[in-house]
Amino acid sequence: MNKSIIWILIVSALVSGLLWLLLGNRNVSSTKLKDYDCSDFRTQREAQTFFESNGGPSSDPHNLDGDKDGKVCESLK
């Protein structure tokens, strides 16, 4: 095999690996990118549905359930 072809293959592999490290490792859901607060919802029911579909009540990464009673954004109607 020609040395220039080997160098091209090596450089291509290195560039591909670098691009994967920089761009390809972005497996994050959109709800984890934004911190939701009660003011992001129009009603308590809307907030509750979001809460339950994103891990609540066992997980509350957005801290929507301040008193930990399973019901979020109780100030909303």
Protein backbone atom coordinates (compact mmCIF):
# COMPACT_ATOMS: atom_id res chain seq x y z
CA MET A 1 0.00 0.00 0.00
CA ASN A 2 1.28 3.45 -0.82
CA LYS A 3 2.48 5.56 2.17
CA SER A 4 0.36 8.54 1.14
CA ILE A 5 -2.78 6.39 1.21
CA ILE A 6 -1.90 5.13 4.70
CA TRP A 7 -1.42 8.72 5.91
CA ILE A 8 -4.76 9.75 4.39
CA LEU A 9 -6.49 6.87 6.19
CA ILE A 10 -4.84 7.73 9.51
CA VAL A 11 -5.70 11.41 9.26
CA SER A 12 -9.27 10.59 8.23
CA ALA A 13 -9.69 8.29 11.21
CA LEU A 14 -8.30 10.92 13.59
CA VAL A 15 -10.52 13.66 12.19
CA SER A 16 -13.58 11.39 12.36
CA GLY A 17 -12.83 10.51 15.97
CA LEU A 18 -12.33 14.13 16.90
CA LEU A 19 -15.60 15.17 15.24
CA TRP A 20 -17.45 12.40 17.05
CA LEU A 21 -16.05 13.54 20.39
CA LEU A 22 -16.95 17.15 19.72
CA LEU A 23 -20.33 16.75 18.01
CA GLY A 24 -21.58 13.19 18.20
CA ASN A 25 -21.94 12.78 21.93
CA ARG A 26 -25.00 15.01 22.41
CA ASN A 27 -27.67 12.59 23.52
CA VAL A 28 -29.60 14.91 25.86
CA SER A 29 -33.36 15.34 25.85
CA SER A 30 -34.79 18.83 25.41
CA THR A 31 -36.51 18.80 28.83
CA LYS A 32 -33.13 18.33 30.49
CA LEU A 33 -31.71 21.36 28.71
CA LYS A 34 -34.30 23.76 30.13
CA ASP A 35 -35.09 24.28 33.78
CA TYR A 36 -38.86 24.44 34.09
CA ASP A 37 -40.61 26.50 36.75
CA CYS A 38 -44.28 26.79 37.61
CA SER A 39 -44.45 30.03 35.63
CA ASP A 40 -43.75 27.98 32.48
CA PHE A 41 -47.19 26.34 32.76
CA ARG A 42 -50.68 27.80 32.32
CA THR A 43 -52.45 25.41 34.71
CA GLN A 44 -51.64 23.11 37.60
CA ARG A 45 -52.88 20.16 35.55
CA GLU A 46 -50.43 21.00 32.73
CA ALA A 47 -47.57 21.20 35.25
CA GLN A 48 -48.68 17.96 36.92
CA THR A 49 -48.77 16.12 33.59
CA PHE A 50 -45.28 17.37 32.75
CA PHE A 51 -44.03 16.39 36.21
CA GLU A 52 -45.41 12.86 36.01
CA SER A 53 -44.15 12.28 32.46
CA ASN A 54 -40.63 13.37 33.48
CA GLY A 55 -40.05 11.11 36.47
CA GLY A 56 -42.21 12.59 39.20
CA PRO A 57 -42.80 12.02 42.01
CA SER A 58 -39.73 9.79 42.44
CA SER A 59 -37.60 12.33 40.56
CA ASP A 60 -38.12 16.10 40.54
CA PRO A 61 -35.14 17.63 38.72
CA HIS A 62 -37.06 20.87 38.12
CA ASN A 63 -38.09 21.20 41.79
CA LEU A 64 -41.74 21.71 40.90
CA ASP A 65 -42.93 19.90 44.03
CA GLY A 66 -41.52 22.12 46.77
CA ASP A 67 -43.28 20.39 49.68
CA LYS A 68 -42.75 16.87 48.26
CA ASP A 69 -46.43 15.90 48.48
CA GLY A 70 -46.64 14.73 44.86
CA LYS A 71 -48.73 17.71 43.74
CA VAL A 72 -46.79 20.39 41.83
CA CYS A 73 -47.36 24.09 41.30
CA GLU A 74 -50.22 24.23 43.75
CA SER A 75 -50.46 28.02 43.37
CA LEU A 76 -51.66 27.55 39.77
CA LYS A 77 -55.37 27.00 39.13
